[in-house]
Structure formats: C-alpha cells, structure tokens
C-alpha atoms as a PDB file:
ATOM      1  CA  MET A   1     187.327 137.331 111.959  1.00  0.00           C
ATOM      2  CA  LYS A   2     187.677 136.945 108.211  1.00  0.00           C
ATOM      3  CA  ILE A   3     185.174 134.723 106.445  1.00  0.00           C
ATOM      4  CA  LYS A   4     187.018 132.181 104.323  1.00  0.00           C
ATOM      5  CA  VAL A   5     185.168 129.922 101.895  1.00  0.00           C
ATOM      6  CA  PRO A   6     186.459 126.316 102.046  1.00  0.00           C
ATOM      7  CA  GLU A   7     188.044 125.205  98.785  1.00  0.00           C
ATOM      8  CA  ALA A   8     186.056 121.964  98.853  1.00  0.00           C
ATOM      9  CA  LEU A   9     182.790 123.916  98.920  1.00  0.00           C
ATOM     10  CA  THR A  10     183.847 126.032  95.954  1.00  0.00           C
ATOM     11  CA  GLU A  11     184.883 122.890  94.053  1.00  0.00           C
ATOM     12  CA  SER A  12     181.487 121.346  94.786  1.00  0.00           C
ATOM     13  CA  HIS A  13     179.633 124.356  93.389  1.00  0.00           C
ATOM     14  CA  VAL A  14     181.857 124.500  90.326  1.00  0.00           C
ATOM     15  CA  LYS A  15     181.171 120.812  89.707  1.00  0.00           C
ATOM     16  CA  MET A  16     177.420 121.403  89.958  1.00  0.00           C
ATOM     17  CA  ASP A  17     177.058 124.784  88.232  1.00  0.00           C
ATOM     18  CA  GLY A  18     180.334 125.671  86.546  1.00  0.00           C
ATOM     19  CA  GLU A  19     181.255 129.344  86.570  1.00  0.00           C
ATOM     20  CA  LYS A  20     177.882 130.244  88.044  1.00  0.00           C
ATOM     21  CA  GLY A  21     178.754 128.068  91.033  1.00  0.00           C
ATOM     22  CA  ARG A  22     182.189 129.648  91.318  1.00  0.00           C
ATOM     23  CA  ALA A  23     180.640 133.111  91.318  1.00  0.00           C
ATOM     24  CA  TRP A  24     178.141 132.157  94.017  1.00  0.00           C
ATOM     25  CA  SER A  25     180.904 130.753  96.185  1.00  0.00           C
ATOM     26  CA  ALA A  26     183.013 133.885  95.681  1.00  0.00           C
ATOM     27  CA  GLY A  27     180.086 135.990  96.876  1.00  0.00           C
ATOM     28  CA  LEU A  28     179.695 134.091 100.148  1.00  0.00           C
ATOM     29  CA  PRO A  29     181.758 136.467 102.340  1.00  0.00           C
ATOM     30  CA  ALA A  30     179.664 139.454 101.230  1.00  0.00           C
ATOM     31  CA  LEU A  31     176.446 137.470 101.727  1.00  0.00           C
ATOM     32  CA  ALA A  32     177.532 136.521 105.230  1.00  0.00           C
ATOM     33  CA  GLU A  33     178.415 140.121 106.072  1.00  0.00           C
ATOM     34  CA  ARG A  34     174.965 141.206 104.906  1.00  0.00           C
ATOM     35  CA  TYR A  35     173.173 138.944 107.378  1.00  0.00           C
ATOM     36  CA  LEU A  36     175.614 139.565 110.190  1.00  0.00           C
ATOM     37  CA  GLU A  37     174.538 143.201 109.912  1.00  0.00           C
ATOM     38  CA  GLU A  38     170.826 142.730 109.159  1.00  0.00           C
ATOM     39  CA  TRP A  39     170.253 140.163 111.900  1.00  0.00           C
ATOM     40  CA  ALA A  40     172.611 141.783 114.419  1.00  0.00           C
ATOM     41  CA  LEU A  41     174.973 138.822 114.617  1.00  0.00           C
ATOM     42  CA  ARG A  42     178.652 138.479 115.331  1.00  0.00           C
ATOM     43  CA  LEU A  43     180.933 135.644 114.331  1.00  0.00           C
ATOM     44  CA  ASP A  44     181.753 133.270 117.167  1.00  0.00           C
ATOM     45  CA  GLU A  45     184.779 131.127 117.837  1.00  0.00           C
ATOM     46  CA  GLY A  46     184.557 127.738 116.211  1.00  0.00           C
ATOM     47  CA  ARG A  47     185.136 126.074 112.892  1.00  0.00           C
ATOM     48  CA  PRO A  48     182.736 126.854 110.016  1.00  0.00           C
ATOM     49  CA  MET A  49     180.993 123.769 108.675  1.00  0.00           C
ATOM     50  CA  HIS A  50     180.051 122.915 105.132  1.00  0.00           C
ATOM     51  CA  GLY A  51     178.551 120.138 103.044  1.00  0.00           C
ATOM     52  CA  VAL A  52     178.348 120.003  99.265  1.00  0.00           C
ATOM     53  CA  VAL A  53     175.997 123.021  99.087  1.00  0.00           C
ATOM     54  CA  SER A  54     175.885 125.137 102.254  1.00  0.00           C
ATOM     55  CA  LEU A  55     178.278 127.024 104.512  1.00  0.00           C
ATOM     56  CA  VAL A  56     177.366 127.168 108.213  1.00  0.00           C
ATOM     57  CA  LEU A  57     178.991 129.798 110.423  1.00  0.00           C
ATOM     58  CA  PRO A  58     178.890 129.862 114.242  1.00  0.00           C
ATOM     59  CA  VAL A  59     177.391 133.178 115.343  1.00  0.00           C
ATOM     60  CA  VAL A  60     176.038 134.938 118.419  1.00  0.00           C
ATOM     61  CA  ARG A  61     172.811 136.960 118.433  1.00  0.00           C
ATOM     62  CA  GLU A  62     172.473 140.379 120.010  1.00  0.00           C
ATOM     63  CA  ASP A  63     170.987 138.859 123.182  1.00  0.00           C
ATOM     64  CA  GLY A  64     173.940 136.477 123.556  1.00  0.00           C
ATOM     65  CA  THR A  65     172.173 133.403 122.150  1.00  0.00           C
ATOM     66  CA  ARG A  66     174.480 131.121 120.204  1.00  0.00           C
ATOM     67  CA  ALA A  67     173.200 130.300 116.732  1.00  0.00           C
ATOM     68  CA  ALA A  68     174.304 129.058 113.305  1.00  0.00           C
ATOM     69  CA  LEU A  69     174.094 131.051 110.071  1.00  0.00           C
ATOM     70  CA  LYS A  70     173.420 128.766 107.112  1.00  0.00           C
ATOM     71  CA  LEU A  71     174.198 130.161 103.652  1.00  0.00           C
ATOM     72  CA  GLN A  72     173.042 128.262 100.582  1.00  0.00           C
ATOM     73  CA  PRO A  73     171.680 128.945  97.106  1.00  0.00           C
ATOM     74  CA  VAL A  74     167.979 128.291  96.628  1.00  0.00           C
ATOM     75  CA  THR A  75     167.427 124.901  94.962  1.00  0.00           C
ATOM     76  CA  ASP A  76     164.494 122.522  94.554  1.00  0.00           C
ATOM     77  CA  GLU A  77     165.962 120.408  97.366  1.00  0.00           C
ATOM     78  CA  ASN A  78     166.325 123.104 100.016  1.00  0.00           C
ATOM     79  CA  ALA A  79     163.443 125.418  99.061  1.00  0.00           C
ATOM     80  CA  THR A  80     161.201 123.496 101.473  1.00  0.00           C
ATOM     81  CA  GLU A  81     163.735 123.372 104.324  1.00  0.00           C
ATOM     82  CA  ALA A  82     162.440 126.430 106.177  1.00  0.00           C
ATOM     83  CA  PRO A  83     158.710 125.516 105.869  1.00  0.00           C
ATOM     84  CA  GLY A  84     159.541 122.037 107.116  1.00  0.00           C
ATOM     85  CA  LEU A  85     161.506 123.351 110.090  1.00  0.00           C
ATOM     86  CA  ARG A  86     158.692 125.792 110.917  1.00  0.00           C
ATOM     87  CA  THR A  87     156.226 122.902 110.954  1.00  0.00           C
ATOM     88  CA  TRP A  88     158.360 120.766 113.261  1.00  0.00           C
ATOM     89  CA  ALA A  89     159.073 123.808 115.469  1.00  0.00           C
ATOM     90  CA  GLY A  90     161.972 122.088 117.188  1.00  0.00           C
ATOM     91  CA  LYS A  91     160.108 118.854 117.972  1.00  0.00           C
ATOM     92  CA  GLY A  92     162.824 116.461 116.908  1.00  0.00           C
ATOM     93  CA  SER A  93     164.544 118.988 114.647  1.00  0.00           C
ATOM     94  CA  VAL A  94     166.823 121.988 114.935  1.00  0.00           C
ATOM     95  CA  LEU A  95     164.931 125.240 115.576  1.00  0.00           C
ATOM     96  CA  LEU A  96     164.578 127.815 112.812  1.00  0.00           C
ATOM     97  CA  LEU A  97     165.257 131.267 114.291  1.00  0.00           C
ATOM     98  CA  ASP A  98     165.091 133.463 111.182  1.00  0.00           C
ATOM     99  CA  GLU A  99     165.099 133.128 107.396  1.00  0.00           C
ATOM    100  CA  ASP A 100     165.273 134.956 104.089  1.00  0.00           C
ATOM    101  CA  PRO A 101     163.385 132.884 101.483  1.00  0.00           C
ATOM    102  CA  GLU A 102     164.774 135.003  98.647  1.00  0.00           C
ATOM    103  CA  THR A 103     168.381 133.910  99.228  1.00  0.00           C
ATOM    104  CA  GLY A 104     167.784 130.653 101.134  1.00  0.00           C
ATOM    105  CA  THR A 105     169.682 131.994 104.156  1.00  0.00           C
ATOM    106  CA  LEU A 106     168.686 130.493 107.519  1.00  0.00           C
ATOM    107  CA  LEU A 107     169.479 131.319 111.127  1.00  0.00           C
ATOM    108  CA  LEU A 108     169.368 128.130 113.171  1.00  0.00           C
ATOM    109  CA  GLU A 109     169.681 126.940 116.730  1.00  0.00           C
ATOM    110  CA  ARG A 110     173.321 126.028 117.470  1.00  0.00           C
ATOM    111  CA  LEU A 111     173.898 122.301 117.946  1.00  0.00           C
ATOM    112  CA  ASP A 112     177.093 120.406 118.734  1.00  0.00           C
ATOM    113  CA  SER A 113     178.638 119.671 115.344  1.00  0.00           C
ATOM    114  CA  ALA A 114     181.459 117.766 117.050  1.00  0.00           C
ATOM    115  CA  ARG A 115     179.008 115.153 118.333  1.00  0.00           C
ATOM    116  CA  PRO A 116     177.045 113.589 115.448  1.00  0.00           C
ATOM    117  CA  LEU A 117     175.011 110.453 115.993  1.00  0.00           C
ATOM    118  CA  SER A 118     177.512 108.638 113.760  1.00  0.00           C
ATOM    119  CA  ALA A 119     179.976 108.866 116.683  1.00  0.00           C
ATOM    120  CA  VAL A 120     177.791 106.608 118.866  1.00  0.00           C
ATOM    121  CA  PRO A 121     179.689 103.308 118.635  1.00  0.00           C
ATOM    122  CA  ASP A 122     176.824 100.897 119.276  1.00  0.00           C
ATOM    123  CA  ASP A 123     174.968 100.339 116.006  1.00  0.00           C
ATOM    124  CA  VAL A 124     171.669  99.311 117.593  1.00  0.00           C
ATOM    125  CA  GLU A 125     171.705 102.239 120.017  1.00  0.00           C
ATOM    126  CA  ALA A 126     172.339 104.690 117.177  1.00  0.00           C
ATOM    127  CA  LEU A 127     169.621 103.134 115.036  1.00  0.00           C
ATOM    128  CA  THR A 128     167.137 103.266 117.914  1.00  0.00           C
ATOM    129  CA  ILE A 129     167.832 106.980 118.435  1.00  0.00           C
ATOM    130  CA  LEU A 130     167.477 107.672 114.714  1.00  0.00           C
ATOM    131  CA  THR A 131     164.222 105.734 114.529  1.00  0.00           C
ATOM    132  CA  GLU A 132     162.741 107.604 117.500  1.00  0.00           C
ATOM    133  CA  LEU A 133     163.525 110.920 115.800  1.00  0.00           C
ATOM    134  CA  LEU A 134     162.072 109.696 112.514  1.00  0.00           C
ATOM    135  CA  GLY A 135     158.850 108.763 114.286  1.00  0.00           C
ATOM    136  CA  ARG A 136     158.553 112.238 115.791  1.00  0.00           C
ATOM    137  CA  LEU A 137     159.216 113.975 112.486  1.00  0.00           C
ATOM    138  CA  THR A 138     156.841 111.869 110.388  1.00  0.00           C
ATOM    139  CA  ALA A 139     154.067 112.295 112.962  1.00  0.00           C
ATOM    140  CA  PHE A 140     153.451 115.713 111.387  1.00  0.00           C
ATOM    141  CA  PRO A 141     151.223 116.062 108.333  1.00  0.00           C
ATOM    142  CA  ALA A 142     153.035 117.893 105.559  1.00  0.00           C
ATOM    143  CA  PRO A 143     152.053 121.558 105.229  1.00  0.00           C
ATOM    144  CA  PRO A 144     150.839 122.987 101.912  1.00  0.00           C
ATOM    145  CA  GLY A 145     153.488 123.706  99.328  1.00  0.00           C
ATOM    146  CA  MET A 146     155.720 120.703  99.971  1.00  0.00           C
ATOM    147  CA  ARG A 147     157.049 118.625  97.119  1.00  0.00           C
ATOM    148  CA  ARG A 148     155.050 115.429  96.927  1.00  0.00           C
ATOM    149  CA  LEU A 149     156.334 111.872  96.798  1.00  0.00           C
ATOM    150  CA  GLY A 150     153.626 110.977  94.292  1.00  0.00           C
ATOM    151  CA  ASP A 151     154.994 113.490  91.795  1.00  0.00           C
ATOM    152  CA  ILE A 152     158.580 112.384  92.380  1.00  0.00           C
ATOM    153  CA  ALA A 153     157.592 108.743  91.907  1.00  0.00           C
ATOM    154  CA  LYS A 154     155.793 109.493  88.645  1.00  0.00           C
ATOM    155  CA  ASP A 155     158.879 111.308  87.359  1.00  0.00           C
ATOM    156  CA  MET A 156     161.030 108.317  88.286  1.00  0.00           C
ATOM    157  CA  LEU A 157     158.760 105.913  86.435  1.00  0.00           C
ATOM    158  CA  ALA A 158     158.929 108.105  83.346  1.00  0.00           C
ATOM    159  CA  ASP A 159     162.746 107.780  83.328  1.00  0.00           C
ATOM    160  CA  VAL A 160     162.971 104.006  83.701  1.00  0.00           C
ATOM    161  CA  ASP A 161     162.863 102.941  80.029  1.00  0.00           C
ATOM    162  CA  LYS A 162     165.721 105.270  79.102  1.00  0.00           C
ATOM    163  CA  ALA A 163     167.800 104.145  82.091  1.00  0.00           C
ATOM    164  CA  VAL A 164     167.305 100.455  81.299  1.00  0.00           C
ATOM    165  CA  THR A 165     168.971 100.903  77.912  1.00  0.00           C
ATOM    166  CA  ALA A 166     172.117 102.235  79.643  1.00  0.00           C
ATOM    167  CA  LEU A 167     172.609  99.081  81.745  1.00  0.00           C
ATOM    168  CA  PRO A 168     174.485  96.269  79.974  1.00  0.00           C
ATOM    169  CA  ARG A 169     173.855  93.603  82.638  1.00  0.00           C
ATOM    170  CA  GLU A 170     170.509  91.842  82.334  1.00  0.00           C
ATOM    171  CA  GLY A 171     170.379  91.396  86.114  1.00  0.00           C
ATOM    172  CA  ASP A 172     170.576  95.161  86.624  1.00  0.00           C
ATOM    173  CA  ARG A 173     167.894  95.764  84.010  1.00  0.00           C
ATOM    174  CA  HIS A 174     165.653  93.243  85.784  1.00  0.00           C
ATOM    175  CA  TRP A 175     166.168  94.995  89.142  1.00  0.00           C
ATOM    176  CA  LEU A 176     165.340  98.377  87.685  1.00  0.00           C
ATOM    177  CA  ARG A 177     162.119  97.113  86.098  1.00  0.00           C
ATOM    178  CA  TRP A 178     161.145  95.224  89.247  1.00  0.00           C
ATOM    179  CA  CYS A 179     161.623  98.285  91.453  1.00  0.00           C
ATOM    180  CA  ALA A 180     159.636 100.344  88.943  1.00  0.00           C
ATOM    181  CA  ASP A 181     156.770  97.821  88.981  1.00  0.00           C
ATOM    182  CA  THR A 182     156.706  97.988  92.776  1.00  0.00           C
ATOM    183  CA  VAL A 183     156.619 101.798  92.798  1.00  0.00           C
ATOM    184  CA  ALA A 184     153.875 101.775  90.136  1.00  0.00           C
ATOM    185  CA  GLU A 185     151.693  99.774  92.540  1.00  0.00           C
ATOM    186  CA  LEU A 186     152.222 102.341  95.325  1.00  0.00           C
ATOM    187  CA  VAL A 187     152.207 105.621  93.422  1.00  0.00           C
ATOM    188  CA  GLY A 188     148.455 106.104  93.810  1.00  0.00           C
ATOM    189  CA  GLU A 189     148.803 106.232  97.626  1.00  0.00           C
ATOM    190  CA  PRO A 190     152.008 108.191  98.253  1.00  0.00           C
ATOM    191  CA  GLY A 191     151.189 109.343 101.794  1.00  0.00           C
ATOM    192  CA  ASP A 192     150.954 112.785 103.385  1.00  0.00           C
ATOM    193  CA  ARG A 193     153.468 112.811 106.266  1.00  0.00           C
ATOM    194  CA  LEU A 194     156.271 115.377 106.497  1.00  0.00           C
ATOM    195  CA  LEU A 195     159.434 113.495 105.522  1.00  0.00           C
ATOM    196  CA  HIS A 196     163.040 114.479 106.193  1.00  0.00           C
ATOM    197  CA  TRP A 197     164.336 112.557 103.129  1.00  0.00           C
ATOM    198  CA  ASP A 198     167.971 112.528 104.298  1.00  0.00           C
ATOM    199  CA  LEU A 199     167.960 111.359 107.917  1.00  0.00           C
ATOM    200  CA  HIS A 200     171.362 109.691 108.177  1.00  0.00           C
ATOM    201  CA  TYR A 201     173.592 109.606 111.240  1.00  0.00           C
ATOM    202  CA  ASP A 202     175.624 112.712 110.390  1.00  0.00           C
ATOM    203  CA  ASN A 203     172.376 114.674 110.037  1.00  0.00           C
ATOM    204  CA  VAL A 204     171.604 114.116 113.729  1.00  0.00           C
ATOM    205  CA  LEU A 205     173.577 116.214 116.214  1.00  0.00           C
ATOM    206  CA  ALA A 206     173.772 116.400 119.982  1.00  0.00           C
ATOM    207  CA  ALA A 207     172.055 119.434 121.506  1.00  0.00           C
ATOM    208  CA  GLU A 208     171.460 121.212 124.805  1.00  0.00           C
ATOM    209  CA  ARG A 209     167.683 121.481 124.471  1.00  0.00           C
ATOM    210  CA  GLU A 210     167.309 117.766 123.703  1.00  0.00           C
ATOM    211  CA  PRO A 211     169.851 114.943 123.540  1.00  0.00           C
ATOM    212  CA  TRP A 212     169.630 114.658 119.736  1.00  0.00           C
ATOM    213  CA  LEU A 213     168.074 116.746 116.963  1.00  0.00           C
ATOM    214  CA  ALA A 214     167.811 116.351 113.180  1.00  0.00           C
ATOM    215  CA  ILE A 215     169.372 118.856 110.801  1.00  0.00           C
ATOM    216  CA  ASP A 216     169.533 119.537 107.057  1.00  0.00           C
ATOM    217  CA  PRO A 217     166.160 118.151 105.928  1.00  0.00           C
ATOM    218  CA  LYS A 218     164.981 118.033 102.325  1.00  0.00           C
ATOM    219  CA  PRO A 219     161.283 117.991 103.251  1.00  0.00           C
ATOM    220  CA  LEU A 220     158.543 116.464 101.148  1.00  0.00           C
ATOM    221  CA  ALA A 221     155.084 114.997 101.674  1.00  0.00           C
ATOM    222  CA  GLY A 222     154.904 111.242 101.538  1.00  0.00           C
ATOM    223  CA  ASP A 223     154.937 107.796 103.116  1.00  0.00           C
ATOM    224  CA  PRO A 224     157.335 107.266 106.083  1.00  0.00           C
ATOM    225  CA  GLY A 225     158.601 104.096 104.396  1.00  0.00           C
ATOM    226  CA  PHE A 226     160.416 106.330 101.921  1.00  0.00           C
ATOM    227  CA  ASP A 227     162.539 107.691 104.792  1.00  0.00           C
ATOM    228  CA  LEU A 228     164.038 104.375 105.950  1.00  0.00           C
ATOM    229  CA  TRP A 229     166.781 104.087 103.326  1.00  0.00           C
ATOM    230  CA  PRO A 230     169.571 106.194 104.942  1.00  0.00           C
ATOM    231  CA  ALA A 231     169.440 104.124 108.132  1.00  0.00           C
ATOM    232  CA  LEU A 232     169.654 100.892 106.123  1.00  0.00           C
ATOM    233  CA  ASP A 233     172.460 102.113 103.876  1.00  0.00           C
ATOM    234  CA  ASN A 234     174.709 103.943 106.378  1.00  0.00           C
ATOM    235  CA  ARG A 235     177.221 102.329 108.760  1.00  0.00           C
ATOM    236  CA  TRP A 236     177.441  99.508 106.237  1.00  0.00           C
ATOM    237  CA  GLU A 237     180.469  97.960 107.939  1.00  0.00           C
ATOM    238  CA  ALA A 238     178.186  96.897 110.815  1.00  0.00           C
ATOM    239  CA  VAL A 239     175.899  95.124 108.342  1.00  0.00           C
ATOM    240  CA  VAL A 240     178.838  93.329 106.730  1.00  0.00           C
ATOM    241  CA  ALA A 241     180.161  92.341 110.167  1.00  0.00           C
ATOM    242  CA  THR A 242     177.057  90.214 110.767  1.00  0.00           C
ATOM    243  CA  GLY A 243     178.354  87.752 108.181  1.00  0.00           C
ATOM    244  CA  ASP A 244     175.016  87.840 106.359  1.00  0.00           C
ATOM    245  CA  PRO A 245     174.347  91.321 104.938  1.00  0.00           C
ATOM    246  CA  VAL A 246     170.774  90.532 103.869  1.00  0.00           C
ATOM    247  CA  ARG A 247     169.924  89.386 107.388  1.00  0.00           C
ATOM    248  CA  GLY A 248     171.737  92.410 108.800  1.00  0.00           C
ATOM    249  CA  VAL A 249     169.598  94.750 106.686  1.00  0.00           C
ATOM    250  CA  LEU A 250     166.433  92.918 107.753  1.00  0.00           C
ATOM    251  CA  ARG A 251     167.317  93.355 111.427  1.00  0.00           C
ATOM    252  CA  ARG A 252     167.546  97.105 110.910  1.00  0.00           C
ATOM    253  CA  PHE A 253     164.419  97.221 108.781  1.00  0.00           C
ATOM    254  CA  ASP A 254     162.351  95.179 111.250  1.00  0.00           C
ATOM    255  CA  LEU A 255     163.481  97.309 114.200  1.00  0.00           C
ATOM    256  CA  MET A 256     162.431 100.489 112.406  1.00  0.00           C
ATOM    257  CA  VAL A 257     159.147  99.170 111.022  1.00  0.00           C
ATOM    258  CA  ASP A 258     158.104  97.769 114.407  1.00  0.00           C
ATOM    259  CA  ALA A 259     159.009 100.972 116.270  1.00  0.00           C
ATOM    260  CA  LEU A 260     157.251 103.194 113.725  1.00  0.00           C
ATOM    261  CA  GLY A 261     154.184 100.974 113.350  1.00  0.00           C
ATOM    262  CA  LEU A 262     154.560 100.690 109.572  1.00  0.00           C
ATOM    263  CA  ASP A 263     153.171  98.042 107.274  1.00  0.00           C
ATOM    264  CA  PRO A 264     156.262  95.961 106.352  1.00  0.00           C
ATOM    265  CA  ALA A 265     155.242  95.262 102.760  1.00  0.00           C
ATOM    266  CA  ARG A 266     154.439  98.894 102.050  1.00  0.00           C
ATOM    267  CA  ALA A 267     157.625 100.124 103.755  1.00  0.00           C
ATOM    268  CA  ALA A 268     159.641  97.589 101.752  1.00  0.00           C
ATOM    269  CA  GLY A 269     157.998  98.854  98.564  1.00  0.00           C
ATOM    270  CA  TRP A 270     158.907 102.481  99.226  1.00  0.00           C
ATOM    271  CA  THR A 271     162.433 101.412 100.205  1.00  0.00           C
ATOM    272  CA  LEU A 272     162.667  99.859  96.759  1.00  0.00           C
ATOM    273  CA  GLY A 273     161.541 103.265  95.515  1.00  0.00           C
ATOM    274  CA  ARG A 274     164.707 104.718  97.037  1.00  0.00           C
ATOM    275  CA  LEU A 275     166.752 102.010  95.319  1.00  0.00           C
ATOM    276  CA  LEU A 276     165.110 103.005  92.043  1.00  0.00           C
ATOM    277  CA  GLN A 277     165.781 106.698  92.668  1.00  0.00           C
ATOM    278  CA  ASN A 278     169.450 106.114  93.490  1.00  0.00           C
ATOM    279  CA  ALA A 279     169.866 103.858  90.454  1.00  0.00           C
ATOM    280  CA  LEU A 280     168.368 106.479  88.151  1.00  0.00           C
ATOM    281  CA  TRP A 281     170.681 109.134  89.592  1.00  0.00           C
ATOM    282  CA  ASP A 282     173.691 106.837  89.101  1.00  0.00           C
ATOM    283  CA  VAL A 283     172.771 106.121  85.493  1.00  0.00           C
ATOM    284  CA  GLU A 284     172.326 109.838  84.873  1.00  0.00           C
ATOM    285  CA  ASP A 285     175.863 110.332  86.237  1.00  0.00           C
ATOM    286  CA  GLY A 286     177.227 107.785  83.764  1.00  0.00           C
ATOM    287  CA  GLU A 287     177.276 104.617  85.875  1.00  0.00           C
ATOM    288  CA  THR A 288     176.570 101.397  83.976  1.00  0.00           C
ATOM    289  CA  GLU A 289     176.142  99.002  86.901  1.00  0.00           C
ATOM    290  CA  LEU A 290     173.846  99.172  89.916  1.00  0.00           C
ATOM    291  CA  ASN A 291     175.394  99.776  93.330  1.00  0.00           C
ATOM    292  CA  GLU A 292     176.113  96.477  95.105  1.00  0.00           C
ATOM    293  CA  THR A 293     175.072  97.770  98.538  1.00  0.00           C
ATOM    294  CA  GLY A 294     171.763  98.890  97.070  1.00  0.00           C
ATOM    295  CA  LEU A 295     171.218  95.466  95.548  1.00  0.00           C
ATOM    296  CA  VAL A 296     171.763  93.804  98.943  1.00  0.00           C
ATOM    297  CA  ILE A 297     169.123  96.106 100.458  1.00  0.00           C
ATOM    298  CA  GLY A 298     166.840  95.319  97.526  1.00  0.00           C
ATOM    299  CA  GLU A 299     167.275  91.588  98.082  1.00  0.00           C
ATOM    300  CA  ALA A 300     166.392  92.064 101.747  1.00  0.00           C
ATOM    301  CA  MET A 301     163.205  93.895 100.765  1.00  0.00           C
ATOM    302  CA  ARG A 302     162.109  90.872  98.705  1.00  0.00           C
ATOM    303  CA  HIS A 303     161.691  89.041 102.014  1.00  0.00           C
ATOM    304  CA  ARG A 304     159.264  91.654 103.358  1.00  0.00           C
ATOM    305  CA  GLN A 305     157.020  92.231 100.354  1.00  0.00           C
END
C-alpha cells in the first residue's frame, strides 16, 4: 500500500513552520518506510489517522501483533511523550512498544480509533470515565526530565503585562490580571504528579486490553488541578443545555474534584492557570478579546476559591 500524506496535515505543518514544515511532511513516506523496515512492520488495512502534528499508520508486527506507527517531528510538547508512556506502562494509557527519540517516532499499542470516548452519549458517564483515567495517570510521580508546571507558570506570569496591553476591554484585562495573581500564589507549590495535559474525550479510545485508554499525552510534572480544564471545556453543548452554564461547569468540576480527592480551592486556582495560558496563546495569535467559554469557566472557579 502506498503511504499518502493527508493534505490537512501538510497544511498544518506549513502553517506552523512554513517551507520547513512542508519539507518535513513531504519526507513522511520515506520516514515511514524506514521504520517499516527497521522494526519489521507491514502496513495493515485501515485508515491512517492524523492530528495537527502527527501521522499514525495501522501496522502489524512480525509476530502478528497489531500496532500503530506514530510519525511526528520532535517538539517541546511531544519530547516527553515516550518517557511519560514508559512511566505509565499501560496503566491507564496506551502502551509504548518501541521508540526512536532522535526522530520522535513511536510504535504504539493499537486502539480502536473509531470508538473515542467522545462518542459516549451520556455526558456524566463520559466524564466519570475520563476522571477515573485521570486519577490513574496522576497517581504516578513524574520521572526526571519532565517539563515542570512551575517553570511554565513562571513563563506565563512573565508574559502577562505585554498581553494586557493588547486587550482593549477593561473586563478582559481584569480577568487576565486576576488569573495571574491566582497563579502567582500557587507557583511556589506546583506539584510533582505526572500530568497528561491534554486529556479530552477524543484522546481516550476504546481498547481490547482495557475498556478505555488515554493517548497523545503532552506530559509534564505538576498539580493534578492543572489537568481538569479539557473536561470542563469540551462537550460544551451539554453545559449550555443545563440552562445555567456556570452551574453546569461546577457540576463537572465538583464531580472531578471529589473523585480525585483534590482540594477545591487549589484545583480552581490551577484551572484559572489554564484560562491564563489559553488567553496568552490567543493574544499571541492576534486575538483581542478573551474566549467567552473560558470566561464562563473562570466565573465558575470564583465560586470554589
């Protein structure tokens, strides 16, 4: 079978890295062929998957085991993916079968990409499953070499003054400063758990070894409260359907905090840290107003601080 690079993936890399990104994308077929040979793999039937960075090919190992070949450039975000997966060793996460740190290429356990947790229709059921996985993942202390939440938080705080000047609405400037003040109070105790950082419903897939497993982590060392945001922000239509979005967010937040045994005020503070991070990214991308969904989550966190 011929390896074809999806146009959307190429466009994503061009958007991020210009001609360098285009060249990397063009080299994907040769990179895939290299690891098919080196790791004694053959392409399997099934649709290749991709996000904004990686291409994932269904493959079969020499012993007949089905697996997934993940091809991606090495970045700050994914450089810790393999060490994180090794630490979890399949306990709540996809198994790492092989890796090449030099190119960022991973060989992973094959999961069912057609059955993401986002397809579970009941919002509370899906959230409960996600929370159980989050508890298993954050039970592990972060291994040496992980990025650290404390460092990321300090970098965020250093960017606040510049970002404030880009926001014309006084209300947005107030929110940014308030989130920054909250993070400044927490930055001295950033935590040491192994965080996923991107545990949303499409990053949980059905599996044979366990009912559900997490994929595509961006591991760092920190406080579990920093990992709540995707579950609060995703499936937003279910929050809106409650008729009171702030209360809907609090229901999710309280379920997660209670199940994980977290201090509500501290978890709310680190959730505001995610609001700050997203706002800084948006401003860097040229946005001049804070995201309304984020502001609803921020307002909910006021009630738990």
